N, C-alpha and C. Protein backbone atom coordinates (compact mmCIF):
# COMPACT_ATOMS: atom_id res chain seq x y z
N MET A 1 -3.42 27.55 26.78
CA MET A 1 -3.68 26.23 26.21
C MET A 1 -2.46 25.80 25.39
N VAL A 2 -2.10 24.54 25.51
CA VAL A 2 -0.98 24.00 24.74
C VAL A 2 -1.51 23.38 23.45
N LEU A 3 -0.63 23.17 22.49
CA LEU A 3 -1.01 22.66 21.18
C LEU A 3 -1.74 21.32 21.30
N LYS A 4 -1.22 20.43 22.14
CA LYS A 4 -1.82 19.10 22.29
C LYS A 4 -3.29 19.21 22.69
N ASP A 5 -3.61 20.07 23.64
CA ASP A 5 -5.00 20.24 24.06
C ASP A 5 -5.86 20.78 22.92
N PHE A 6 -5.31 21.73 22.20
CA PHE A 6 -6.04 22.29 21.06
C PHE A 6 -6.33 21.21 20.02
N LEU A 7 -5.31 20.40 19.71
CA LEU A 7 -5.47 19.34 18.71
C LEU A 7 -6.42 18.25 19.17
N LEU A 8 -6.45 17.98 20.46
CA LEU A 8 -7.42 17.02 21.00
C LEU A 8 -8.84 17.56 20.83
N ARG A 9 -9.02 18.83 21.11
CA ARG A 9 -10.34 19.44 21.00
C ARG A 9 -10.80 19.47 19.54
N LYS A 10 -9.89 19.63 18.61
CA LYS A 10 -10.21 19.72 17.18
C LYS A 10 -10.11 18.37 16.46
N LYS A 11 -9.93 17.31 17.21
CA LYS A 11 -9.65 15.99 16.62
C LYS A 11 -10.65 15.59 15.54
N SER A 12 -11.93 15.64 15.81
CA SER A 12 -12.91 15.17 14.83
C SER A 12 -12.90 16.04 13.57
N THR A 13 -12.75 17.33 13.73
CA THR A 13 -12.71 18.23 12.57
C THR A 13 -11.47 17.96 11.74
N ILE A 14 -10.33 17.83 12.39
CA ILE A 14 -9.08 17.58 11.67
C ILE A 14 -9.12 16.23 10.98
N LEU A 15 -9.60 15.19 11.66
CA LEU A 15 -9.67 13.86 11.04
C LEU A 15 -10.60 13.86 9.83
N LYS A 16 -11.73 14.55 9.92
CA LYS A 16 -12.65 14.60 8.79
C LYS A 16 -12.00 15.29 7.61
N LYS A 17 -11.34 16.42 7.84
CA LYS A 17 -10.67 17.14 6.75
C LYS A 17 -9.52 16.30 6.17
N TRP A 18 -8.81 15.61 7.04
CA TRP A 18 -7.70 14.77 6.59
C TRP A 18 -8.22 13.62 5.72
N PHE A 19 -9.28 12.97 6.19
CA PHE A 19 -9.88 11.86 5.44
C PHE A 19 -10.39 12.37 4.09
N ASP A 20 -11.07 13.51 4.08
CA ASP A 20 -11.57 14.08 2.83
C ASP A 20 -10.42 14.39 1.87
N ARG A 21 -9.32 14.88 2.41
CA ARG A 21 -8.16 15.19 1.57
C ARG A 21 -7.55 13.92 0.99
N VAL A 22 -7.51 12.87 1.77
CA VAL A 22 -7.00 11.58 1.27
C VAL A 22 -7.93 11.05 0.18
N LEU A 23 -9.23 11.19 0.36
CA LEU A 23 -10.19 10.73 -0.65
C LEU A 23 -9.96 11.42 -1.99
N GLU A 24 -9.52 12.66 -1.95
CA GLU A 24 -9.27 13.41 -3.19
C GLU A 24 -8.16 12.78 -4.03
N THR A 25 -7.35 11.91 -3.45
CA THR A 25 -6.28 11.27 -4.21
C THR A 25 -6.79 10.11 -5.06
N TYR A 26 -8.05 9.72 -4.86
CA TYR A 26 -8.66 8.62 -5.59
C TYR A 26 -9.50 9.14 -6.76
N PRO A 27 -9.77 8.28 -7.74
CA PRO A 27 -10.67 8.68 -8.83
C PRO A 27 -12.06 9.02 -8.28
N PRO A 28 -12.82 9.86 -8.99
CA PRO A 28 -14.12 10.32 -8.48
C PRO A 28 -15.08 9.20 -8.07
N GLU A 29 -15.17 8.13 -8.85
CA GLU A 29 -16.09 7.04 -8.50
C GLU A 29 -15.67 6.34 -7.21
N THR A 30 -14.37 6.22 -7.00
CA THR A 30 -13.86 5.61 -5.77
C THR A 30 -14.05 6.55 -4.59
N GLN A 31 -13.84 7.84 -4.81
CA GLN A 31 -14.06 8.83 -3.74
C GLN A 31 -15.47 8.72 -3.19
N GLY A 32 -16.43 8.65 -4.09
CA GLY A 32 -17.82 8.58 -3.67
C GLY A 32 -18.09 7.37 -2.81
N PHE A 33 -17.59 6.23 -3.24
CA PHE A 33 -17.83 5.00 -2.48
C PHE A 33 -17.13 5.04 -1.12
N LEU A 34 -15.84 5.39 -1.12
CA LEU A 34 -15.08 5.39 0.12
C LEU A 34 -15.63 6.40 1.13
N GLY A 35 -16.10 7.53 0.64
CA GLY A 35 -16.60 8.57 1.54
C GLY A 35 -18.02 8.36 2.00
N ARG A 36 -18.82 7.71 1.16
CA ARG A 36 -20.24 7.52 1.46
C ARG A 36 -20.49 6.32 2.37
N GLN A 37 -19.86 5.24 2.09
CA GLN A 37 -20.14 3.98 2.78
C GLN A 37 -19.39 3.91 4.10
N LYS A 38 -20.11 3.92 5.20
CA LYS A 38 -19.49 3.93 6.54
C LYS A 38 -19.38 2.53 7.16
N GLU A 39 -20.09 1.56 6.62
CA GLU A 39 -20.09 0.20 7.16
C GLU A 39 -18.76 -0.49 6.86
N PRO A 40 -18.02 -0.92 7.91
CA PRO A 40 -16.68 -1.52 7.69
C PRO A 40 -16.70 -2.76 6.80
N PHE A 41 -17.77 -3.56 6.87
CA PHE A 41 -17.80 -4.78 6.05
C PHE A 41 -18.12 -4.45 4.60
N ALA A 42 -18.87 -3.39 4.36
CA ALA A 42 -19.20 -2.97 3.00
C ALA A 42 -18.08 -2.13 2.39
N ASN A 43 -17.27 -1.52 3.24
CA ASN A 43 -16.21 -0.63 2.78
C ASN A 43 -14.94 -0.85 3.62
N PRO A 44 -14.30 -2.00 3.49
CA PRO A 44 -13.12 -2.27 4.33
C PRO A 44 -11.96 -1.31 4.07
N VAL A 45 -11.78 -0.85 2.84
CA VAL A 45 -10.66 0.05 2.55
C VAL A 45 -10.89 1.40 3.23
N GLY A 46 -12.07 1.96 3.06
CA GLY A 46 -12.37 3.25 3.69
C GLY A 46 -12.29 3.17 5.20
N SER A 47 -12.79 2.09 5.75
CA SER A 47 -12.76 1.88 7.20
C SER A 47 -11.32 1.75 7.70
N THR A 48 -10.50 1.01 6.96
CA THR A 48 -9.09 0.83 7.33
C THR A 48 -8.35 2.15 7.29
N ILE A 49 -8.61 2.94 6.24
CA ILE A 49 -7.95 4.24 6.12
C ILE A 49 -8.33 5.13 7.29
N LEU A 50 -9.62 5.21 7.58
CA LEU A 50 -10.08 6.09 8.66
C LEU A 50 -9.53 5.65 10.02
N GLU A 51 -9.57 4.36 10.30
CA GLU A 51 -9.04 3.84 11.57
C GLU A 51 -7.53 4.08 11.68
N GLY A 52 -6.83 3.87 10.58
CA GLY A 52 -5.38 4.08 10.58
C GLY A 52 -5.02 5.54 10.81
N MET A 53 -5.77 6.42 10.18
CA MET A 53 -5.51 7.85 10.36
C MET A 53 -5.80 8.27 11.80
N GLU A 54 -6.87 7.77 12.37
CA GLU A 54 -7.20 8.10 13.75
C GLU A 54 -6.12 7.58 14.71
N GLY A 55 -5.66 6.35 14.45
CA GLY A 55 -4.59 5.79 15.27
C GLY A 55 -3.31 6.59 15.18
N LEU A 56 -2.94 7.01 13.96
CA LEU A 56 -1.74 7.83 13.78
C LEU A 56 -1.89 9.17 14.51
N TYR A 57 -3.05 9.77 14.40
CA TYR A 57 -3.28 11.06 15.03
C TYR A 57 -3.14 10.94 16.55
N ASP A 58 -3.75 9.88 17.10
CA ASP A 58 -3.67 9.67 18.55
C ASP A 58 -2.23 9.45 19.00
N GLU A 59 -1.47 8.68 18.23
CA GLU A 59 -0.07 8.42 18.58
C GLU A 59 0.77 9.69 18.48
N LEU A 60 0.48 10.52 17.50
CA LEU A 60 1.19 11.81 17.39
C LEU A 60 0.92 12.67 18.61
N LEU A 61 -0.32 12.67 19.09
CA LEU A 61 -0.68 13.49 20.24
C LEU A 61 -0.07 12.96 21.54
N LYS A 62 0.14 11.64 21.60
CA LYS A 62 0.75 11.07 22.80
C LYS A 62 2.21 11.49 22.92
N GLY A 63 2.81 11.76 21.78
CA GLY A 63 4.24 12.11 21.81
C GLY A 63 5.08 10.86 21.91
N GLY A 64 6.26 10.98 22.41
CA GLY A 64 7.13 9.81 22.57
C GLY A 64 7.76 9.38 21.26
N GLU A 65 8.07 8.10 21.18
CA GLU A 65 8.86 7.57 20.07
C GLU A 65 8.04 7.09 18.87
N LEU A 66 6.74 7.17 18.94
CA LEU A 66 5.86 6.76 17.83
C LEU A 66 6.00 5.28 17.49
N VAL A 67 6.33 4.45 18.47
CA VAL A 67 6.51 3.02 18.21
C VAL A 67 5.18 2.38 17.80
N LYS A 68 4.11 2.69 18.53
CA LYS A 68 2.81 2.12 18.20
C LYS A 68 2.25 2.66 16.89
N ALA A 69 2.73 3.81 16.48
CA ALA A 69 2.27 4.40 15.22
C ALA A 69 2.65 3.52 14.03
N SER A 70 3.69 2.72 14.17
CA SER A 70 4.14 1.87 13.07
C SER A 70 3.04 0.91 12.60
N PHE A 71 2.26 0.40 13.54
CA PHE A 71 1.17 -0.51 13.17
C PHE A 71 0.19 0.20 12.24
N PHE A 72 -0.26 1.39 12.62
CA PHE A 72 -1.22 2.14 11.81
C PHE A 72 -0.59 2.58 10.50
N LEU A 73 0.65 2.98 10.57
CA LEU A 73 1.36 3.43 9.38
C LEU A 73 1.52 2.29 8.37
N ASP A 74 1.92 1.12 8.86
CA ASP A 74 2.08 -0.04 7.98
C ASP A 74 0.75 -0.43 7.34
N THR A 75 -0.32 -0.37 8.10
CA THR A 75 -1.64 -0.70 7.57
C THR A 75 -2.01 0.25 6.44
N LEU A 76 -1.81 1.53 6.66
CA LEU A 76 -2.15 2.53 5.64
C LEU A 76 -1.27 2.40 4.41
N THR A 77 0.02 2.19 4.59
CA THR A 77 0.91 2.09 3.44
C THR A 77 0.66 0.79 2.67
N GLN A 78 0.24 -0.27 3.35
CA GLN A 78 -0.11 -1.50 2.64
C GLN A 78 -1.29 -1.27 1.72
N VAL A 79 -2.28 -0.54 2.20
CA VAL A 79 -3.45 -0.23 1.37
C VAL A 79 -3.01 0.57 0.15
N ARG A 80 -2.17 1.57 0.37
CA ARG A 80 -1.74 2.44 -0.73
C ARG A 80 -0.76 1.73 -1.67
N ALA A 81 0.01 0.77 -1.16
CA ALA A 81 1.02 0.08 -1.98
C ALA A 81 0.38 -0.81 -3.04
N VAL A 82 -0.78 -1.37 -2.76
CA VAL A 82 -1.42 -2.26 -3.73
C VAL A 82 -2.23 -1.48 -4.76
N GLN A 83 -2.33 -0.18 -4.58
CA GLN A 83 -3.05 0.65 -5.52
C GLN A 83 -2.06 1.32 -6.47
N ASP A 84 -2.57 1.95 -7.49
CA ASP A 84 -1.69 2.54 -8.52
C ASP A 84 -1.23 3.95 -8.17
N PHE A 85 -0.51 4.07 -7.08
CA PHE A 85 0.05 5.35 -6.68
C PHE A 85 1.56 5.31 -6.87
N SER A 86 2.12 6.43 -7.23
CA SER A 86 3.58 6.54 -7.22
C SER A 86 3.99 6.58 -5.74
N PRO A 87 5.26 6.31 -5.43
CA PRO A 87 5.68 6.35 -4.03
C PRO A 87 5.36 7.69 -3.35
N SER A 88 5.61 8.79 -4.04
CA SER A 88 5.35 10.09 -3.42
C SER A 88 3.86 10.32 -3.19
N ALA A 89 3.03 9.93 -4.15
CA ALA A 89 1.58 10.09 -4.00
C ALA A 89 1.04 9.15 -2.92
N ALA A 90 1.66 7.98 -2.79
CA ALA A 90 1.17 7.01 -1.81
C ALA A 90 1.37 7.47 -0.38
N ILE A 91 2.45 8.18 -0.12
CA ILE A 91 2.71 8.59 1.27
C ILE A 91 2.41 10.07 1.54
N ALA A 92 2.00 10.80 0.53
CA ALA A 92 1.71 12.23 0.70
C ALA A 92 0.62 12.47 1.72
N PHE A 93 -0.25 11.47 1.93
CA PHE A 93 -1.36 11.65 2.87
C PHE A 93 -0.87 12.06 4.26
N ILE A 94 0.31 11.64 4.63
CA ILE A 94 0.84 12.00 5.95
C ILE A 94 1.13 13.49 6.01
N LEU A 95 1.70 13.99 4.94
CA LEU A 95 2.07 15.40 4.91
C LEU A 95 0.85 16.33 4.81
N PHE A 96 -0.27 15.80 4.32
CA PHE A 96 -1.50 16.60 4.27
C PHE A 96 -1.87 17.12 5.66
N LEU A 97 -1.55 16.32 6.67
CA LEU A 97 -1.94 16.66 8.04
C LEU A 97 -1.32 17.99 8.48
N LYS A 98 -0.13 18.28 8.03
CA LYS A 98 0.53 19.53 8.44
C LYS A 98 -0.30 20.75 8.02
N LYS A 99 -0.73 20.78 6.79
CA LYS A 99 -1.50 21.94 6.30
C LYS A 99 -2.86 21.99 6.98
N ILE A 100 -3.49 20.86 7.16
CA ILE A 100 -4.81 20.84 7.80
C ILE A 100 -4.72 21.41 9.21
N ILE A 101 -3.69 21.01 9.95
CA ILE A 101 -3.51 21.54 11.31
C ILE A 101 -3.24 23.04 11.27
N ARG A 102 -2.38 23.48 10.38
CA ARG A 102 -2.08 24.91 10.28
C ARG A 102 -3.34 25.72 9.94
N ASP A 103 -4.19 25.16 9.08
CA ASP A 103 -5.43 25.85 8.72
C ASP A 103 -6.40 25.96 9.89
N GLU A 104 -6.30 25.04 10.84
CA GLU A 104 -7.19 25.06 12.00
C GLU A 104 -6.70 25.97 13.12
N LEU A 105 -5.44 26.30 13.11
CA LEU A 105 -4.90 27.14 14.17
C LEU A 105 -5.51 28.54 14.12
N PRO A 106 -5.75 29.13 15.28
CA PRO A 106 -6.27 30.50 15.30
C PRO A 106 -5.23 31.46 14.72
N THR A 107 -5.72 32.47 14.01
CA THR A 107 -4.80 33.39 13.33
C THR A 107 -4.89 34.83 13.84
N GLY A 108 -5.70 35.06 14.84
CA GLY A 108 -5.86 36.41 15.36
C GLY A 108 -4.62 36.93 16.05
N PRO A 109 -4.59 38.24 16.33
CA PRO A 109 -3.42 38.82 17.01
C PRO A 109 -3.22 38.20 18.40
N GLY A 110 -2.00 37.87 18.70
CA GLY A 110 -1.69 37.29 20.00
C GLY A 110 -2.08 35.82 20.15
N GLU A 111 -2.49 35.18 19.05
CA GLU A 111 -2.92 33.77 19.13
C GLU A 111 -1.91 32.84 18.48
N ASN A 112 -0.71 33.25 18.34
CA ASN A 112 0.31 32.39 17.74
C ASN A 112 1.14 31.65 18.79
N HIS A 113 0.57 31.47 19.97
CA HIS A 113 1.32 30.80 21.04
C HIS A 113 1.50 29.30 20.80
N PHE A 114 0.88 28.76 19.73
CA PHE A 114 1.05 27.34 19.40
C PHE A 114 2.28 27.09 18.54
N PHE A 115 2.81 28.13 17.95
CA PHE A 115 3.85 27.93 16.95
C PHE A 115 5.14 27.36 17.51
N ASP A 116 5.42 27.54 18.77
CA ASP A 116 6.62 26.93 19.35
C ASP A 116 6.49 25.41 19.35
N ASP A 117 5.32 24.91 19.75
CA ASP A 117 5.07 23.47 19.79
C ASP A 117 4.83 22.90 18.39
N LEU A 118 4.36 23.75 17.49
CA LEU A 118 4.01 23.29 16.15
C LEU A 118 5.22 22.74 15.39
N GLY A 119 6.36 23.39 15.52
CA GLY A 119 7.57 22.91 14.84
C GLY A 119 7.94 21.50 15.26
N GLU A 120 7.87 21.23 16.55
CA GLU A 120 8.18 19.89 17.05
C GLU A 120 7.15 18.87 16.57
N PHE A 121 5.87 19.27 16.57
CA PHE A 121 4.80 18.38 16.13
C PHE A 121 4.97 18.06 14.63
N GLU A 122 5.28 19.08 13.84
CA GLU A 122 5.47 18.85 12.41
C GLU A 122 6.70 17.98 12.14
N CYS A 123 7.69 18.07 13.01
CA CYS A 123 8.87 17.21 12.90
C CYS A 123 8.45 15.73 13.04
N LYS A 124 7.55 15.47 13.95
CA LYS A 124 7.05 14.09 14.14
C LYS A 124 6.28 13.62 12.91
N ILE A 125 5.52 14.52 12.31
CA ILE A 125 4.81 14.18 11.07
C ILE A 125 5.82 13.84 9.98
N ASP A 126 6.89 14.61 9.88
CA ASP A 126 7.95 14.32 8.89
C ASP A 126 8.59 12.96 9.16
N GLN A 127 8.82 12.63 10.42
CA GLN A 127 9.37 11.31 10.77
C GLN A 127 8.43 10.21 10.31
N LEU A 128 7.13 10.42 10.51
CA LEU A 128 6.15 9.43 10.04
C LEU A 128 6.22 9.28 8.52
N ALA A 129 6.37 10.39 7.81
CA ALA A 129 6.45 10.33 6.36
C ALA A 129 7.65 9.51 5.91
N LEU A 130 8.78 9.68 6.58
CA LEU A 130 9.96 8.90 6.23
C LEU A 130 9.74 7.42 6.52
N ARG A 131 9.14 7.12 7.65
CA ARG A 131 8.83 5.72 7.98
C ARG A 131 7.82 5.16 6.98
N ALA A 132 6.87 5.99 6.56
CA ALA A 132 5.87 5.54 5.60
C ALA A 132 6.53 5.16 4.28
N PHE A 133 7.52 5.92 3.88
CA PHE A 133 8.24 5.61 2.64
C PHE A 133 8.92 4.24 2.75
N ASP A 134 9.60 4.00 3.87
CA ASP A 134 10.24 2.70 4.08
C ASP A 134 9.21 1.57 4.06
N SER A 135 8.10 1.79 4.73
CA SER A 135 7.05 0.78 4.79
C SER A 135 6.46 0.52 3.41
N TYR A 136 6.21 1.60 2.67
CA TYR A 136 5.67 1.49 1.31
C TYR A 136 6.62 0.67 0.42
N MET A 137 7.91 0.98 0.48
CA MET A 137 8.87 0.27 -0.35
C MET A 137 8.97 -1.21 0.03
N ALA A 138 8.88 -1.51 1.31
CA ALA A 138 8.90 -2.91 1.75
C ALA A 138 7.67 -3.64 1.21
N CYS A 139 6.53 -2.98 1.23
CA CYS A 139 5.31 -3.59 0.70
C CYS A 139 5.43 -3.83 -0.80
N ARG A 140 5.96 -2.86 -1.51
CA ARG A 140 6.12 -3.01 -2.96
C ARG A 140 7.09 -4.14 -3.28
N GLU A 141 8.19 -4.26 -2.53
CA GLU A 141 9.13 -5.36 -2.73
C GLU A 141 8.43 -6.70 -2.55
N LYS A 142 7.63 -6.80 -1.51
CA LYS A 142 6.89 -8.04 -1.23
C LYS A 142 5.93 -8.36 -2.37
N LEU A 143 5.25 -7.34 -2.88
CA LEU A 143 4.34 -7.55 -4.01
C LEU A 143 5.09 -8.07 -5.23
N TYR A 144 6.25 -7.49 -5.52
CA TYR A 144 7.04 -7.94 -6.66
C TYR A 144 7.54 -9.37 -6.46
N GLU A 145 7.93 -9.71 -5.24
CA GLU A 145 8.35 -11.08 -4.95
C GLU A 145 7.20 -12.06 -5.18
N ILE A 146 6.02 -11.69 -4.75
CA ILE A 146 4.85 -12.54 -4.95
C ILE A 146 4.57 -12.71 -6.43
N ARG A 147 4.64 -11.62 -7.19
CA ARG A 147 4.38 -11.70 -8.64
C ARG A 147 5.41 -12.58 -9.33
N ILE A 148 6.68 -12.43 -8.96
CA ILE A 148 7.73 -13.26 -9.57
C ILE A 148 7.49 -14.73 -9.23
N HIS A 149 7.13 -15.00 -7.99
CA HIS A 149 6.85 -16.37 -7.57
C HIS A 149 5.67 -16.95 -8.37
N GLU A 150 4.63 -16.15 -8.57
CA GLU A 150 3.48 -16.60 -9.35
C GLU A 150 3.87 -16.91 -10.79
N ILE A 151 4.69 -16.05 -11.39
CA ILE A 151 5.13 -16.27 -12.76
C ILE A 151 5.95 -17.55 -12.86
N LYS A 152 6.85 -17.76 -11.90
CA LYS A 152 7.65 -18.99 -11.89
C LYS A 152 6.75 -20.22 -11.76
N ASN A 153 5.79 -20.16 -10.85
CA ASN A 153 4.88 -21.30 -10.67
C ASN A 153 4.05 -21.55 -11.91
N ARG A 154 3.56 -20.48 -12.52
CA ARG A 154 2.76 -20.62 -13.74
C ARG A 154 3.60 -21.22 -14.85
N SER A 155 4.84 -20.76 -14.99
CA SER A 155 5.73 -21.30 -16.02
C SER A 155 6.03 -22.77 -15.76
N ALA A 156 6.25 -23.12 -14.52
CA ALA A 156 6.53 -24.52 -14.18
C ALA A 156 5.33 -25.40 -14.52
N ARG A 157 4.12 -24.91 -14.25
CA ARG A 157 2.92 -25.70 -14.57
C ARG A 157 2.77 -25.88 -16.08
N VAL A 158 3.06 -24.84 -16.84
CA VAL A 158 2.97 -24.92 -18.30
C VAL A 158 3.99 -25.93 -18.81
N LEU A 159 5.22 -25.88 -18.29
CA LEU A 159 6.24 -26.83 -18.72
C LEU A 159 5.86 -28.26 -18.34
N GLU A 160 5.29 -28.45 -17.17
CA GLU A 160 4.83 -29.78 -16.76
C GLU A 160 3.75 -30.30 -17.71
N LYS A 161 2.82 -29.45 -18.09
CA LYS A 161 1.75 -29.86 -19.00
C LYS A 161 2.31 -30.20 -20.37
N LEU A 162 3.25 -29.39 -20.84
CA LEU A 162 3.86 -29.67 -22.13
C LEU A 162 4.64 -30.99 -22.10
N SER A 163 5.37 -31.19 -21.04
CA SER A 163 6.14 -32.42 -20.89
C SER A 163 5.21 -33.63 -20.82
N SER A 164 4.16 -33.49 -20.05
CA SER A 164 3.18 -34.57 -19.92
C SER A 164 2.52 -34.88 -21.26
N ALA A 165 2.17 -33.85 -22.01
CA ALA A 165 1.56 -34.04 -23.32
C ALA A 165 2.54 -34.71 -24.28
N HIS A 166 3.81 -34.31 -24.20
CA HIS A 166 4.83 -34.91 -25.06
C HIS A 166 5.01 -36.39 -24.72
N GLU A 167 5.08 -36.70 -23.42
CA GLU A 167 5.22 -38.10 -23.01
C GLU A 167 4.02 -38.93 -23.45
N LYS A 168 2.85 -38.35 -23.32
CA LYS A 168 1.63 -39.07 -23.72
C LYS A 168 1.66 -39.33 -25.23
N ARG A 169 2.07 -38.33 -25.99
CA ARG A 169 2.18 -38.48 -27.43
C ARG A 169 3.20 -39.56 -27.78
N GLN A 170 4.30 -39.61 -27.05
CA GLN A 170 5.33 -40.61 -27.29
C GLN A 170 4.79 -42.02 -27.03
N GLN A 171 3.99 -42.16 -25.98
CA GLN A 171 3.44 -43.47 -25.62
C GLN A 171 2.38 -43.94 -26.61
N GLU A 172 1.65 -43.00 -27.20
CA GLU A 172 0.57 -43.36 -28.13
C GLU A 172 1.05 -43.54 -29.56
N ARG A 173 2.26 -43.28 -29.83
CA ARG A 173 2.82 -43.29 -31.18
C ARG A 173 2.92 -44.71 -31.74
N ASP A 174 2.78 -44.84 -33.07
CA ASP A 174 2.99 -46.12 -33.76
C ASP A 174 4.49 -46.38 -33.81
N PRO A 175 4.88 -47.64 -33.82
CA PRO A 175 6.31 -47.93 -33.89
C PRO A 175 6.95 -47.38 -35.17
N GLY A 176 6.24 -47.36 -36.28
CA GLY A 176 6.80 -46.86 -37.53
C GLY A 176 6.86 -45.34 -37.57
N GLU A 177 6.20 -44.72 -36.68
CA GLU A 177 6.13 -43.25 -36.67
C GLU A 177 7.47 -42.63 -36.27
N ASP A 178 8.30 -43.37 -35.53
CA ASP A 178 9.58 -42.85 -35.08
C ASP A 178 10.46 -42.43 -36.26
N GLU A 179 10.33 -43.19 -37.36
CA GLU A 179 11.20 -42.92 -38.50
C GLU A 179 10.86 -41.58 -39.15
N ARG A 180 9.59 -41.13 -39.01
CA ARG A 180 9.21 -39.87 -39.63
C ARG A 180 9.47 -38.66 -38.73
N ASP A 181 9.68 -38.88 -37.43
CA ASP A 181 9.89 -37.77 -36.49
C ASP A 181 11.32 -37.25 -36.65
N PRO A 182 11.49 -35.98 -37.05
CA PRO A 182 12.85 -35.44 -37.27
C PRO A 182 13.73 -35.51 -36.03
N MET A 183 13.15 -35.32 -34.85
CA MET A 183 13.95 -35.35 -33.63
C MET A 183 14.51 -36.75 -33.41
N ASP A 184 13.67 -37.75 -33.63
CA ASP A 184 14.13 -39.13 -33.45
C ASP A 184 15.20 -39.48 -34.49
N GLN A 185 15.02 -38.98 -35.72
CA GLN A 185 16.02 -39.24 -36.75
C GLN A 185 17.36 -38.63 -36.37
N MET A 186 17.32 -37.41 -35.77
CA MET A 186 18.57 -36.76 -35.34
C MET A 186 19.23 -37.58 -34.23
N GLU A 187 18.44 -38.11 -33.31
CA GLU A 187 19.00 -38.89 -32.22
C GLU A 187 19.66 -40.15 -32.77
N ARG A 188 19.00 -40.79 -33.75
CA ARG A 188 19.55 -42.00 -34.32
C ARG A 188 20.88 -41.71 -35.04
N ARG A 189 20.99 -40.58 -35.69
CA ARG A 189 22.22 -40.21 -36.39
C ARG A 189 23.35 -39.99 -35.40
N LYS A 190 23.06 -39.43 -34.23
CA LYS A 190 24.09 -39.20 -33.23
C LYS A 190 24.63 -40.52 -32.72
N ILE A 191 23.77 -41.50 -32.57
CA ILE A 191 24.17 -42.80 -32.02
C ILE A 191 25.05 -43.55 -33.01
N THR A 192 24.74 -43.48 -34.30
CA THR A 192 25.49 -44.26 -35.29
C THR A 192 26.72 -43.58 -35.77
């Protein structure tokens, strides 16, 4: 039996352990919700994580260049990027898969015939981790750009309101009031 066949046969067990390990990275109250609620509409984050992990696993088993894996990887890193994870904690979920697979491999005498293929498979997992880091950083940059844009828009609205209030106050002012306004007095001094 080759490693790929073994991993296909163990797919549901490995995915469950992987998902459980990812849940451990969340606070206890979040773990309970994400792990308990299976309905995608009631638990979109948990559903997205599970679907993304399954997609990544399938793409790893297909071999090749992992081009389609980018979609699943980007989805997972987007979820992790908006949460309060450090970059290393956000992408560590990919590396969890290596230990989970090693723990599932048979350990009896003469059963290490998977280890030749395992090195190559783990190399692909490492490639995914590197891509995940790039994807995570791109997501974080986008989040910061959005926040900066929001701050600029909010500041512009505040300045517009202040300007509008000042203009309204200027229009409602008594003609004799100009003489008491220090700013107007300064302007008059500059002119004369």
